[in-house]
Amino acid sequence: MPFLAEQHQSRNNDKQSPRRDFDPDSLAARLGSRVLGQDTAVAAVVRALSLSAVGANDPDRPLANLLLVGPTGVGKTELVRRVAAELRAGPDDLCRIDMNALAQEHYAASFSGAPPGYAGSKEAYSLFDRTTVEGDAYRPGIVLFDEVEKAHSTVLRALLQVLDSGTLRLASGQQTLSFRNTLVFMTSNLGSAQLARRGRVWWRRGRAGARLAARGDRTVLQAAIRDFFDPEFLNRIDETAVFTELDHTTAHAVTELEIDLLARRLSRRKIELEVTGAVADLVFARGFDPVYGTRALRRAIRTTLAEPVAIAVLRARGTSSDPVTVHADVRDGEVRTHVDT
């Protein structure tokens, strides 16, 4: 496919620079450096992009229809954002549809726009942004249907048309959206409740328990998918990527990555953050929960580390832009800071 001739590679601060080639191994490494512990899911995405790169996909369907399933907070949405950062202008350069907002039938009409005779029908309004859906000759469109199982059945029927033919005729009958140059991602939390009930049991069993849990996770999730979706829907999905709960080692690596991302954000405000390994250990111990994944961890970083850093900076320089360096360590079970100006 021509769009991969000018693939975009992520740089610091999510700035982009064009690439003249498509290297699956390099792409997998970059995606895996931001979505930790999900090598199987990353491989599924890279496989879809590789097939598109050589034109092996069906030209009358989307470039790929991928269903991402697994517990909350393990990187499903983040993986799609990283793909957008690689192939488009940045991690938010995609069309995200919150399917939870389409759970009731009277809201479902917004999926394909207002029918003839209703307000907005002539303007062909819909939830989709044509630019990020259709892409162009040098980059694909990317659409994320988030929590697809929450949508009303009428929306899922309309989605079948997208997955099967790569087109969506708006309800006005006057315009059609093309998804044939589009990577279609769908996320689902099906089976997560069952995984959550047993998640902490496996977590307490340590690394060996996590390995056994990962195999069990796939069985639980695949069964939940088969029970919920009709066969005609599942037959239109090219591949289901299963995300698993994070083990101890990966969870600690995620902690260090999130702290590093915080340091990068602060550096843009001329604030250099230096932390010891004890800080990461404390955040991990306080914040990571196998049920809630990285979302709980981010909350712990906010209260355990980011807050004392912010207070130290404000005391040292106020709201000025003078450069400062903040050193963070752990004493008496709390993060302590001191500032060099």
C-alpha atoms as a PDB file:
ATOM      1  CA  MET A   1       0.000   0.000   0.000  1.00  0.00           C
ATOM      2  CA  PRO A   2       1.326   3.459  -0.880  1.00  0.00           C
ATOM      3  CA  PHE A   3       0.682   5.018   2.510  1.00  0.00           C
ATOM      4  CA  LEU A   4       3.546   3.050   4.038  1.00  0.00           C
ATOM      5  CA  ALA A   5       6.000   4.576   1.580  1.00  0.00           C
ATOM      6  CA  GLU A   6       6.057   7.613   3.870  1.00  0.00           C
ATOM      7  CA  GLN A   7       5.635   5.942   7.243  1.00  0.00           C
ATOM      8  CA  HIS A   8       5.891   8.315  10.179  1.00  0.00           C
ATOM      9  CA  GLN A   9       8.124   7.411  13.108  1.00  0.00           C
ATOM     10  CA  SER A  10       7.600   8.651  16.670  1.00  0.00           C
ATOM     11  CA  ARG A  11      10.144  11.086  18.078  1.00  0.00           C
ATOM     12  CA  ASN A  12      10.443  12.904  21.379  1.00  0.00           C
ATOM     13  CA  ASN A  13       7.312  14.910  22.258  1.00  0.00           C
ATOM     14  CA  ASP A  14       5.493  12.850  19.597  1.00  0.00           C
ATOM     15  CA  LYS A  15       6.985  14.874  16.762  1.00  0.00           C
ATOM     16  CA  GLN A  16       7.190  13.036  13.471  1.00  0.00           C
ATOM     17  CA  SER A  17       9.709  12.535  10.698  1.00  0.00           C
ATOM     18  CA  PRO A  18       9.058  10.547   7.529  1.00  0.00           C
ATOM     19  CA  ARG A  19      10.501   7.103   6.877  1.00  0.00           C
ATOM     20  CA  ARG A  20      11.190   5.687   3.442  1.00  0.00           C
ATOM     21  CA  ASP A  21      10.774   2.065   4.396  1.00  0.00           C
ATOM     22  CA  PHE A  22       8.639  -0.249   6.479  1.00  0.00           C
ATOM     23  CA  ASP A  23      10.547  -2.387   8.949  1.00  0.00           C
ATOM     24  CA  PRO A  24       8.209  -4.724  10.871  1.00  0.00           C
ATOM     25  CA  ASP A  25      10.832  -5.587  13.493  1.00  0.00           C
ATOM     26  CA  SER A  26      11.637  -1.938  14.178  1.00  0.00           C
ATOM     27  CA  LEU A  27       7.954  -1.031  14.366  1.00  0.00           C
ATOM     28  CA  ALA A  28       7.259  -3.900  16.789  1.00  0.00           C
ATOM     29  CA  ALA A  29      10.131  -2.740  18.990  1.00  0.00           C
ATOM     30  CA  ARG A  30       8.845   0.840  19.115  1.00  0.00           C
ATOM     31  CA  LEU A  31       5.282  -0.195  19.874  1.00  0.00           C
ATOM     32  CA  GLY A  32       6.474  -2.673  22.474  1.00  0.00           C
ATOM     33  CA  SER A  33       8.559  -0.002  24.191  1.00  0.00           C
ATOM     34  CA  ARG A  34       5.364   1.912  25.024  1.00  0.00           C
ATOM     35  CA  VAL A  35       2.879  -0.954  25.464  1.00  0.00           C
ATOM     36  CA  LEU A  36       4.759  -3.293  27.772  1.00  0.00           C
ATOM     37  CA  GLY A  37       4.086  -6.980  28.270  1.00  0.00           C
ATOM     38  CA  GLN A  38       1.705  -7.350  25.329  1.00  0.00           C
ATOM     39  CA  ASP A  39       3.956  -8.861  22.673  1.00  0.00           C
ATOM     40  CA  THR A  40       1.177 -11.026  21.216  1.00  0.00           C
ATOM     41  CA  ALA A  41      -1.115  -8.037  20.682  1.00  0.00           C
ATOM     42  CA  VAL A  42       1.712  -5.937  19.234  1.00  0.00           C
ATOM     43  CA  ALA A  43       2.560  -8.773  16.840  1.00  0.00           C
ATOM     44  CA  ALA A  44      -1.060  -8.886  15.634  1.00  0.00           C
ATOM     45  CA  VAL A  45      -1.018  -5.179  14.804  1.00  0.00           C
ATOM     46  CA  VAL A  46       2.352  -5.356  13.047  1.00  0.00           C
ATOM     47  CA  ARG A  47       1.124  -8.371  11.089  1.00  0.00           C
ATOM     48  CA  ALA A  48      -1.874  -6.385   9.833  1.00  0.00           C
ATOM     49  CA  LEU A  49       0.353  -3.474   8.794  1.00  0.00           C
ATOM     50  CA  SER A  50       2.782  -5.829   7.062  1.00  0.00           C
ATOM     51  CA  LEU A  51      -0.005  -7.398   5.006  1.00  0.00           C
ATOM     52  CA  SER A  52      -1.177  -3.941   3.968  1.00  0.00           C
ATOM     53  CA  ALA A  53       2.368  -2.884   3.101  1.00  0.00           C
ATOM     54  CA  VAL A  54       2.651  -5.560   0.419  1.00  0.00           C
ATOM     55  CA  GLY A  55      -0.957  -5.277  -0.776  1.00  0.00           C
ATOM     56  CA  ALA A  56      -2.058  -8.662   0.579  1.00  0.00           C
ATOM     57  CA  ASN A  57      -5.255  -7.291   2.121  1.00  0.00           C
ATOM     58  CA  ASP A  58      -8.648  -7.424   0.395  1.00  0.00           C
ATOM     59  CA  PRO A  59      -9.016  -4.105  -1.521  1.00  0.00           C
ATOM     60  CA  ASP A  60     -12.792  -4.120  -1.000  1.00  0.00           C
ATOM     61  CA  ARG A  61     -12.551  -4.163   2.786  1.00  0.00           C
ATOM     62  CA  PRO A  62     -10.732  -2.071   5.400  1.00  0.00           C
ATOM     63  CA  LEU A  63      -6.976  -2.525   5.582  1.00  0.00           C
ATOM     64  CA  ALA A  64      -7.550  -4.510   8.784  1.00  0.00           C
ATOM     65  CA  ASN A  65     -10.369  -5.216  11.245  1.00  0.00           C
ATOM     66  CA  LEU A  66      -8.762  -5.893  14.612  1.00  0.00           C
ATOM     67  CA  LEU A  67     -10.537  -6.644  17.883  1.00  0.00           C
ATOM     68  CA  LEU A  68      -8.473  -5.856  20.990  1.00  0.00           C
ATOM     69  CA  VAL A  69      -9.745  -7.623  24.104  1.00  0.00           C
ATOM     70  CA  GLY A  70      -8.491  -7.875  27.658  1.00  0.00           C
ATOM     71  CA  PRO A  71      -8.693  -6.385  31.159  1.00  0.00           C
ATOM     72  CA  THR A  72      -8.916  -2.668  31.737  1.00  0.00           C
ATOM     73  CA  GLY A  73      -5.745  -0.620  31.984  1.00  0.00           C
ATOM     74  CA  VAL A  74      -3.380  -2.940  30.104  1.00  0.00           C
ATOM     75  CA  GLY A  75      -2.798  -0.857  26.971  1.00  0.00           C
ATOM     76  CA  LYS A  76      -5.538  -1.552  24.417  1.00  0.00           C
ATOM     77  CA  THR A  77      -6.299   2.084  23.622  1.00  0.00           C
ATOM     78  CA  GLU A  78      -2.674   3.090  24.091  1.00  0.00           C
ATOM     79  CA  LEU A  79      -1.565   0.623  21.413  1.00  0.00           C
ATOM     80  CA  VAL A  80      -3.925   2.241  18.912  1.00  0.00           C
ATOM     81  CA  ARG A  81      -2.621   5.685  19.878  1.00  0.00           C
ATOM     82  CA  ARG A  82       0.948   4.482  19.328  1.00  0.00           C
ATOM     83  CA  VAL A  83      -0.006   3.220  15.867  1.00  0.00           C
ATOM     84  CA  ALA A  84      -1.447   6.661  15.115  1.00  0.00           C
ATOM     85  CA  ALA A  85       1.817   8.249  16.304  1.00  0.00           C
ATOM     86  CA  GLU A  86       3.743   5.988  13.928  1.00  0.00           C
ATOM     87  CA  LEU A  87       1.571   6.359  10.836  1.00  0.00           C
ATOM     88  CA  ARG A  88      -0.104   9.741  11.208  1.00  0.00           C
ATOM     89  CA  ALA A  89       0.639  13.128  12.781  1.00  0.00           C
ATOM     90  CA  GLY A  90       0.514  12.026  16.408  1.00  0.00           C
ATOM     91  CA  PRO A  91      -1.126   9.746  18.969  1.00  0.00           C
ATOM     92  CA  ASP A  92      -4.416  11.636  18.886  1.00  0.00           C
ATOM     93  CA  ASP A  93      -4.642  11.846  15.094  1.00  0.00           C
ATOM     94  CA  LEU A  94      -7.372   9.219  14.804  1.00  0.00           C
ATOM     95  CA  CYS A  95     -11.141   8.965  14.843  1.00  0.00           C
ATOM     96  CA  ARG A  96     -12.306   7.580  18.189  1.00  0.00           C
ATOM     97  CA  ILE A  97     -15.921   6.516  18.600  1.00  0.00           C
ATOM     98  CA  ASP A  98     -17.070   5.936  22.174  1.00  0.00           C
ATOM     99  CA  MET A  99     -19.526   3.074  21.685  1.00  0.00           C
ATOM    100  CA  ASN A 100     -20.741   3.431  25.267  1.00  0.00           C
ATOM    101  CA  ALA A 101     -22.360   6.698  24.175  1.00  0.00           C
ATOM    102  CA  LEU A 102     -24.371   4.734  21.596  1.00  0.00           C
ATOM    103  CA  ALA A 103     -25.902   2.276  24.033  1.00  0.00           C
ATOM    104  CA  GLN A 104     -29.445   3.595  23.583  1.00  0.00           C
ATOM    105  CA  GLU A 105     -31.323   3.290  20.330  1.00  0.00           C
ATOM    106  CA  HIS A 106     -32.309   6.951  20.063  1.00  0.00           C
ATOM    107  CA  TYR A 107     -28.613   7.915  20.073  1.00  0.00           C
ATOM    108  CA  ALA A 108     -27.677   5.267  17.531  1.00  0.00           C
ATOM    109  CA  ALA A 109     -28.739   7.475  14.607  1.00  0.00           C
ATOM    110  CA  SER A 110     -25.670   9.630  15.135  1.00  0.00           C
ATOM    111  CA  PHE A 111     -23.494   6.728  13.957  1.00  0.00           C
ATOM    112  CA  SER A 112     -24.474   7.217  10.323  1.00  0.00           C
ATOM    113  CA  GLY A 113     -26.063  10.654  10.548  1.00  0.00           C
ATOM    114  CA  ALA A 114     -29.623  11.917  10.503  1.00  0.00           C
ATOM    115  CA  PRO A 115     -32.046  10.300   8.026  1.00  0.00           C
ATOM    116  CA  PRO A 116     -33.859  12.389   5.362  1.00  0.00           C
ATOM    117  CA  GLY A 117     -36.319  14.870   6.827  1.00  0.00           C
ATOM    118  CA  TYR A 118     -34.481  15.266  10.135  1.00  0.00           C
ATOM    119  CA  ALA A 119     -32.303  18.160  11.268  1.00  0.00           C
ATOM    120  CA  GLY A 120     -28.757  17.803   9.955  1.00  0.00           C
ATOM    121  CA  SER A 121     -29.583  15.346   7.176  1.00  0.00           C
ATOM    122  CA  LYS A 122     -28.598  17.737   4.383  1.00  0.00           C
ATOM    123  CA  GLU A 123     -25.295  18.533   6.070  1.00  0.00           C
ATOM    124  CA  ALA A 124     -24.548  14.783   6.352  1.00  0.00           C
ATOM    125  CA  TYR A 125     -23.427  15.099   9.962  1.00  0.00           C
ATOM    126  CA  SER A 126     -22.116  11.942  11.626  1.00  0.00           C
ATOM    127  CA  LEU A 127     -19.682  10.927  14.344  1.00  0.00           C
ATOM    128  CA  PHE A 128     -16.923  10.296  11.833  1.00  0.00           C
ATOM    129  CA  ASP A 129     -14.224  12.741  10.829  1.00  0.00           C
ATOM    130  CA  ARG A 130     -13.654  12.081   7.123  1.00  0.00           C
ATOM    131  CA  THR A 131      -9.984  13.097   7.186  1.00  0.00           C
ATOM    132  CA  THR A 132      -8.949  10.654   9.893  1.00  0.00           C
ATOM    133  CA  VAL A 133     -11.232   7.928   8.525  1.00  0.00           C
ATOM    134  CA  GLU A 134     -10.226   7.942   4.879  1.00  0.00           C
ATOM    135  CA  GLY A 135      -6.599   8.998   5.159  1.00  0.00           C
ATOM    136  CA  ASP A 136      -4.731   9.749   1.939  1.00  0.00           C
ATOM    137  CA  ALA A 137      -2.214   8.227  -0.456  1.00  0.00           C
ATOM    138  CA  TYR A 138       0.611   8.484   2.095  1.00  0.00           C
ATOM    139  CA  ARG A 139      -1.028   7.515   5.354  1.00  0.00           C
ATOM    140  CA  PRO A 140      -4.009   5.379   6.345  1.00  0.00           C
ATOM    141  CA  GLY A 141      -7.080   6.390   8.243  1.00  0.00           C
ATOM    142  CA  ILE A 142      -7.378   5.034  11.769  1.00  0.00           C
ATOM    143  CA  VAL A 143     -10.711   4.456  13.499  1.00  0.00           C
ATOM    144  CA  LEU A 144     -11.102   3.214  17.055  1.00  0.00           C
ATOM    145  CA  PHE A 145     -14.470   1.837  18.181  1.00  0.00           C
ATOM    146  CA  ASP A 146     -13.917   1.902  21.934  1.00  0.00           C
ATOM    147  CA  GLU A 147     -15.823  -0.614  24.100  1.00  0.00           C
ATOM    148  CA  VAL A 148     -17.628  -1.955  21.081  1.00  0.00           C
ATOM    149  CA  GLU A 149     -19.801  -4.320  23.118  1.00  0.00           C
ATOM    150  CA  LYS A 150     -21.545  -1.350  24.793  1.00  0.00           C
ATOM    151  CA  ALA A 151     -23.190  -0.164  21.556  1.00  0.00           C
ATOM    152  CA  HIS A 152     -26.837  -0.788  20.727  1.00  0.00           C
ATOM    153  CA  SER A 153     -27.569  -3.686  18.388  1.00  0.00           C
ATOM    154  CA  THR A 154     -28.576  -1.274  15.600  1.00  0.00           C
ATOM    155  CA  VAL A 155     -25.092   0.259  15.746  1.00  0.00           C
ATOM    156  CA  LEU A 156     -23.438  -3.145  15.567  1.00  0.00           C
ATOM    157  CA  ARG A 157     -25.507  -3.949  12.478  1.00  0.00           C
ATOM    158  CA  ALA A 158     -24.331  -0.731  10.839  1.00  0.00           C
ATOM    159  CA  LEU A 159     -20.774  -1.585  11.842  1.00  0.00           C
ATOM    160  CA  LEU A 160     -21.097  -4.892   9.989  1.00  0.00           C
ATOM    161  CA  GLN A 161     -21.370  -2.915   6.759  1.00  0.00           C
ATOM    162  CA  VAL A 162     -18.105  -1.126   7.532  1.00  0.00           C
ATOM    163  CA  LEU A 163     -16.246  -4.324   8.397  1.00  0.00           C
ATOM    164  CA  ASP A 164     -17.558  -6.228   5.387  1.00  0.00           C
ATOM    165  CA  SER A 165     -17.543  -3.766   2.493  1.00  0.00           C
ATOM    166  CA  GLY A 166     -15.300  -0.976   3.790  1.00  0.00           C
ATOM    167  CA  THR A 167     -18.000   1.622   3.192  1.00  0.00           C
ATOM    168  CA  LEU A 168     -20.691   3.350   5.201  1.00  0.00           C
ATOM    169  CA  ARG A 169     -23.584   5.049   3.454  1.00  0.00           C
ATOM    170  CA  LEU A 170     -24.795   7.945   5.562  1.00  0.00           C
ATOM    171  CA  ALA A 171     -28.452   7.893   6.499  1.00  0.00           C
ATOM    172  CA  SER A 172     -29.159  10.905   4.272  1.00  0.00           C
ATOM    173  CA  GLY A 173     -28.367   8.694   1.289  1.00  0.00           C
ATOM    174  CA  GLN A 174     -26.297  11.444  -0.303  1.00  0.00           C
ATOM    175  CA  GLN A 175     -22.774  10.558   0.833  1.00  0.00           C
ATOM    176  CA  THR A 176     -20.638   7.506   1.520  1.00  0.00           C
ATOM    177  CA  LEU A 177     -17.612   7.168   3.772  1.00  0.00           C
ATOM    178  CA  SER A 178     -14.849   4.860   2.581  1.00  0.00           C
ATOM    179  CA  PHE A 179     -12.962   2.719   5.101  1.00  0.00           C
ATOM    180  CA  ARG A 180     -10.894   0.878   2.495  1.00  0.00           C
ATOM    181  CA  ASN A 181      -7.755   2.826   3.369  1.00  0.00           C
ATOM    182  CA  THR A 182      -8.488   2.494   7.074  1.00  0.00           C
ATOM    183  CA  LEU A 183      -7.194   0.485  10.000  1.00  0.00           C
ATOM    184  CA  VAL A 184     -10.282  -0.392  12.039  1.00  0.00           C
ATOM    185  CA  PHE A 185      -9.652  -1.123  15.709  1.00  0.00           C
ATOM    186  CA  MET A 186     -12.284  -2.253  18.188  1.00  0.00           C
ATOM    187  CA  THR A 187     -11.662  -2.613  21.908  1.00  0.00           C
ATOM    188  CA  SER A 188     -13.711  -4.717  24.298  1.00  0.00           C
ATOM    189  CA  ASN A 189     -13.719  -5.397  28.029  1.00  0.00           C
ATOM    190  CA  LEU A 190     -15.773  -8.574  27.661  1.00  0.00           C
ATOM    191  CA  GLY A 191     -14.686 -11.124  30.241  1.00  0.00           C
ATOM    192  CA  SER A 192     -12.935  -8.490  32.361  1.00  0.00           C
ATOM    193  CA  ALA A 193     -15.327  -8.888  35.283  1.00  0.00           C
ATOM    194  CA  GLN A 194     -14.566 -12.583  35.512  1.00  0.00           C
ATOM    195  CA  LEU A 195     -10.836 -11.907  35.242  1.00  0.00           C
ATOM    196  CA  ALA A 196     -11.074  -9.280  37.986  1.00  0.00           C
ATOM    197  CA  ARG A 197     -12.673 -11.733  40.404  1.00  0.00           C
ATOM    198  CA  ARG A 198      -9.706 -14.053  40.194  1.00  0.00           C
ATOM    199  CA  GLY A 199      -6.996 -11.510  39.301  1.00  0.00           C
ATOM    200  CA  ARG A 200      -5.742 -10.808  42.797  1.00  0.00           C
ATOM    201  CA  VAL A 201      -5.527 -14.551  43.554  1.00  0.00           C
ATOM    202  CA  TRP A 202      -3.137 -15.090  40.648  1.00  0.00           C
ATOM    203  CA  TRP A 203      -1.224 -11.917  41.545  1.00  0.00           C
ATOM    204  CA  ARG A 204      -0.496 -13.195  45.032  1.00  0.00           C
ATOM    205  CA  ARG A 205       0.954 -16.380  43.555  1.00  0.00           C
ATOM    206  CA  GLY A 206       3.731 -14.392  41.911  1.00  0.00           C
ATOM    207  CA  ARG A 207       5.408 -14.893  38.543  1.00  0.00           C
ATOM    208  CA  ALA A 208       4.457 -18.565  38.106  1.00  0.00           C
ATOM    209  CA  GLY A 209       0.848 -17.750  38.875  1.00  0.00           C
ATOM    210  CA  ALA A 210       0.894 -14.916  36.342  1.00  0.00           C
ATOM    211  CA  ARG A 211       2.039 -17.268  33.587  1.00  0.00           C
ATOM    212  CA  LEU A 212      -0.785 -19.689  34.350  1.00  0.00           C
ATOM    213  CA  ALA A 213      -3.247 -16.796  34.559  1.00  0.00           C
ATOM    214  CA  ALA A 214      -2.218 -15.524  31.122  1.00  0.00           C
ATOM    215  CA  ARG A 215      -3.183 -18.816  29.533  1.00  0.00           C
ATOM    216  CA  GLY A 216      -6.441 -18.845  31.459  1.00  0.00           C
ATOM    217  CA  ASP A 217      -7.146 -15.239  30.487  1.00  0.00           C
ATOM    218  CA  ARG A 218      -7.189 -16.127  26.809  1.00  0.00           C
ATOM    219  CA  THR A 219      -9.688 -18.925  27.388  1.00  0.00           C
ATOM    220  CA  VAL A 220     -11.991 -16.698  29.429  1.00  0.00           C
ATOM    221  CA  LEU A 221     -11.853 -13.815  26.959  1.00  0.00           C
ATOM    222  CA  GLN A 222     -12.372 -15.937  23.871  1.00  0.00           C
ATOM    223  CA  ALA A 223     -15.380 -17.622  25.472  1.00  0.00           C
ATOM    224  CA  ALA A 224     -16.871 -14.240  26.421  1.00  0.00           C
ATOM    225  CA  ILE A 225     -16.440 -12.984  22.864  1.00  0.00           C
ATOM    226  CA  ARG A 226     -18.109 -16.031  21.348  1.00  0.00           C
ATOM    227  CA  ASP A 227     -21.007 -15.777  23.789  1.00  0.00           C
ATOM    228  CA  PHE A 228     -21.654 -12.101  23.111  1.00  0.00           C
ATOM    229  CA  PHE A 229     -21.062 -11.476  19.400  1.00  0.00           C
ATOM    230  CA  ASP A 230     -22.971 -13.126  16.583  1.00  0.00           C
ATOM    231  CA  PRO A 231     -20.958 -15.391  14.260  1.00  0.00           C
ATOM    232  CA  GLU A 232     -21.544 -12.994  11.350  1.00  0.00           C
ATOM    233  CA  PHE A 233     -19.824 -10.239  13.329  1.00  0.00           C
ATOM    234  CA  LEU A 234     -16.887 -12.401  14.378  1.00  0.00           C
ATOM    235  CA  ASN A 235     -16.438 -13.632  10.796  1.00  0.00           C
ATOM    236  CA  ARG A 236     -15.686 -10.073   9.714  1.00  0.00           C
ATOM    237  CA  ILE A 237     -12.850  -9.624  12.202  1.00  0.00           C
ATOM    238  CA  ASP A 238      -9.426 -10.346  10.730  1.00  0.00           C
ATOM    239  CA  GLU A 239      -7.762 -11.077  14.050  1.00  0.00           C
ATOM    240  CA  THR A 240      -8.476 -10.878  17.762  1.00  0.00           C
ATOM    241  CA  ALA A 241      -5.550  -9.602  19.837  1.00  0.00           C
ATOM    242  CA  VAL A 242      -5.725 -10.778  23.442  1.00  0.00           C
ATOM    243  CA  PHE A 243      -4.215  -8.545  26.134  1.00  0.00           C
ATOM    244  CA  THR A 244      -3.296 -10.162  29.431  1.00  0.00           C
ATOM    245  CA  GLU A 245      -2.858  -8.898  32.969  1.00  0.00           C
ATOM    246  CA  LEU A 246       0.628  -7.625  33.720  1.00  0.00           C
ATOM    247  CA  ASP A 247       3.010  -9.727  35.776  1.00  0.00           C
ATOM    248  CA  HIS A 248       5.224  -8.307  38.525  1.00  0.00           C
ATOM    249  CA  THR A 249       8.232  -7.640  36.303  1.00  0.00           C
ATOM    250  CA  THR A 250       6.241  -5.924  33.564  1.00  0.00           C
ATOM    251  CA  ALA A 251       4.198  -3.923  36.068  1.00  0.00           C
ATOM    252  CA  HIS A 252       7.364  -2.524  37.640  1.00  0.00           C
ATOM    253  CA  ALA A 253       8.703  -1.670  34.175  1.00  0.00           C
ATOM    254  CA  VAL A 254       5.439   0.168  33.477  1.00  0.00           C
ATOM    255  CA  THR A 255       5.973   2.121  36.695  1.00  0.00           C
ATOM    256  CA  GLU A 256       9.412   3.237  35.557  1.00  0.00           C
ATOM    257  CA  LEU A 257       8.061   4.133  32.112  1.00  0.00           C
ATOM    258  CA  GLU A 258       5.265   6.279  33.568  1.00  0.00           C
ATOM    259  CA  ILE A 259       7.744   8.102  35.815  1.00  0.00           C
ATOM    260  CA  ASP A 260       9.959   8.713  32.792  1.00  0.00           C
ATOM    261  CA  LEU A 261       6.980  10.137  30.878  1.00  0.00           C
ATOM    262  CA  LEU A 262       6.276  12.462  33.815  1.00  0.00           C
ATOM    263  CA  ALA A 263       9.899  13.618  33.737  1.00  0.00           C
ATOM    264  CA  ARG A 264       9.625  14.338  30.006  1.00  0.00           C
ATOM    265  CA  ARG A 265       6.508  16.436  30.501  1.00  0.00           C
ATOM    266  CA  LEU A 266       8.176  18.436  33.250  1.00  0.00           C
ATOM    267  CA  SER A 267      11.296  18.995  31.159  1.00  0.00           C
ATOM    268  CA  ARG A 268       9.201  20.963  28.694  1.00  0.00           C
ATOM    269  CA  ARG A 269       8.633  23.443  31.540  1.00  0.00           C
ATOM    270  CA  LYS A 270      12.384  23.577  32.323  1.00  0.00           C
ATOM    271  CA  ILE A 271      11.960  21.249  35.280  1.00  0.00           C
ATOM    272  CA  GLU A 272      14.476  18.417  35.445  1.00  0.00           C
ATOM    273  CA  LEU A 273      13.285  15.531  37.599  1.00  0.00           C
ATOM    274  CA  GLU A 274      15.761  13.061  39.074  1.00  0.00           C
ATOM    275  CA  VAL A 275      14.363  10.109  41.023  1.00  0.00           C
ATOM    276  CA  THR A 276      15.936   7.158  42.789  1.00  0.00           C
ATOM    277  CA  GLY A 277      14.931   3.555  42.362  1.00  0.00           C
ATOM    278  CA  ALA A 278      13.247   3.678  45.750  1.00  0.00           C
ATOM    279  CA  VAL A 279      10.681   6.125  44.350  1.00  0.00           C
ATOM    280  CA  ALA A 280       9.643   3.678  41.636  1.00  0.00           C
ATOM    281  CA  ASP A 281       9.409   0.903  44.234  1.00  0.00           C
ATOM    282  CA  LEU A 282       7.149   3.015  46.440  1.00  0.00           C
ATOM    283  CA  VAL A 283       4.849   4.035  43.587  1.00  0.00           C
ATOM    284  CA  PHE A 284       4.615   0.435  42.439  1.00  0.00           C
ATOM    285  CA  ALA A 285       3.804  -0.836  45.932  1.00  0.00           C
ATOM    286  CA  ARG A 286       1.137   1.804  46.487  1.00  0.00           C
ATOM    287  CA  GLY A 287      -0.411   2.045  43.103  1.00  0.00           C
ATOM    288  CA  PHE A 288      -0.353  -1.011  40.936  1.00  0.00           C
ATOM    289  CA  ASP A 289      -3.457  -3.174  41.077  1.00  0.00           C
ATOM    290  CA  PRO A 290      -3.772  -6.242  38.818  1.00  0.00           C
ATOM    291  CA  VAL A 291      -7.475  -5.516  38.342  1.00  0.00           C
ATOM    292  CA  TYR A 292      -7.214  -1.839  37.380  1.00  0.00           C
ATOM    293  CA  GLY A 293      -3.838  -1.975  35.636  1.00  0.00           C
ATOM    294  CA  THR A 294      -1.980   1.183  34.709  1.00  0.00           C
ATOM    295  CA  ARG A 295      -4.857   3.540  35.498  1.00  0.00           C
ATOM    296  CA  ALA A 296      -4.444   2.902  39.212  1.00  0.00           C
ATOM    297  CA  LEU A 297      -0.699   3.309  38.770  1.00  0.00           C
ATOM    298  CA  ARG A 298      -1.102   6.734  37.165  1.00  0.00           C
ATOM    299  CA  ARG A 299      -3.256   7.849  40.073  1.00  0.00           C
ATOM    300  CA  ALA A 300      -0.530   6.732  42.476  1.00  0.00           C
ATOM    301  CA  ILE A 301       2.119   8.654  40.525  1.00  0.00           C
ATOM    302  CA  ARG A 302      -0.046  11.747  40.687  1.00  0.00           C
ATOM    303  CA  THR A 303      -0.451  11.702  44.468  1.00  0.00           C
ATOM    304  CA  THR A 304       2.806  10.035  45.545  1.00  0.00           C
ATOM    305  CA  LEU A 305       5.321  11.736  43.241  1.00  0.00           C
ATOM    306  CA  ALA A 306       3.857  14.482  41.045  1.00  0.00           C
ATOM    307  CA  GLU A 307       2.239  16.384  43.930  1.00  0.00           C
ATOM    308  CA  PRO A 308       5.381  16.781  46.109  1.00  0.00           C
ATOM    309  CA  VAL A 309       7.381  17.681  42.993  1.00  0.00           C
ATOM    310  CA  ALA A 310       4.866  20.352  42.039  1.00  0.00           C
ATOM    311  CA  ILE A 311       4.883  21.821  45.544  1.00  0.00           C
ATOM    312  CA  ALA A 312       8.692  21.876  45.596  1.00  0.00           C
ATOM    313  CA  VAL A 313       8.833  23.701  42.253  1.00  0.00           C
ATOM    314  CA  LEU A 314       6.235  26.278  43.277  1.00  0.00           C
ATOM    315  CA  ARG A 315       8.091  26.990  46.509  1.00  0.00           C
ATOM    316  CA  ALA A 316      11.399  27.331  44.679  1.00  0.00           C
ATOM    317  CA  ARG A 317      10.442  29.454  41.688  1.00  0.00           C
ATOM    318  CA  GLY A 318       6.728  30.182  41.845  1.00  0.00           C
ATOM    319  CA  THR A 319       5.137  30.323  38.422  1.00  0.00           C
ATOM    320  CA  SER A 320       8.227  31.652  36.673  1.00  0.00           C
ATOM    321  CA  SER A 321       9.987  29.724  33.938  1.00  0.00           C
ATOM    322  CA  ASP A 322      13.411  29.627  35.586  1.00  0.00           C
ATOM    323  CA  PRO A 323      15.047  26.225  35.148  1.00  0.00           C
ATOM    324  CA  VAL A 324      15.144  24.033  38.237  1.00  0.00           C
ATOM    325  CA  THR A 325      16.238  20.498  39.089  1.00  0.00           C
ATOM    326  CA  VAL A 326      14.141  18.460  41.503  1.00  0.00           C
ATOM    327  CA  HIS A 327      15.668  15.469  43.280  1.00  0.00           C
ATOM    328  CA  ALA A 328      13.211  12.918  44.642  1.00  0.00           C
ATOM    329  CA  ASP A 329      13.977  10.119  47.104  1.00  0.00           C
ATOM    330  CA  VAL A 330      12.118   8.105  49.744  1.00  0.00           C
ATOM    331  CA  ARG A 331      12.504   8.763  53.459  1.00  0.00           C
ATOM    332  CA  ASP A 332      10.232   7.482  56.218  1.00  0.00           C
ATOM    333  CA  GLY A 333       7.960   5.869  53.662  1.00  0.00           C
ATOM    334  CA  GLU A 334       7.235   9.099  51.740  1.00  0.00           C
ATOM    335  CA  VAL A 335       8.708  10.864  48.713  1.00  0.00           C
ATOM    336  CA  ARG A 336      10.957  13.730  49.814  1.00  0.00           C
ATOM    337  CA  THR A 337      12.252  16.374  47.433  1.00  0.00           C
ATOM    338  CA  HIS A 338      14.896  19.072  47.307  1.00  0.00           C
ATOM    339  CA  VAL A 339      15.472  21.619  44.558  1.00  0.00           C
ATOM    340  CA  ASP A 340      18.558  22.983  42.831  1.00  0.00           C
ATOM    341  CA  THR A 341      17.969  26.324  41.122  1.00  0.00           C
END
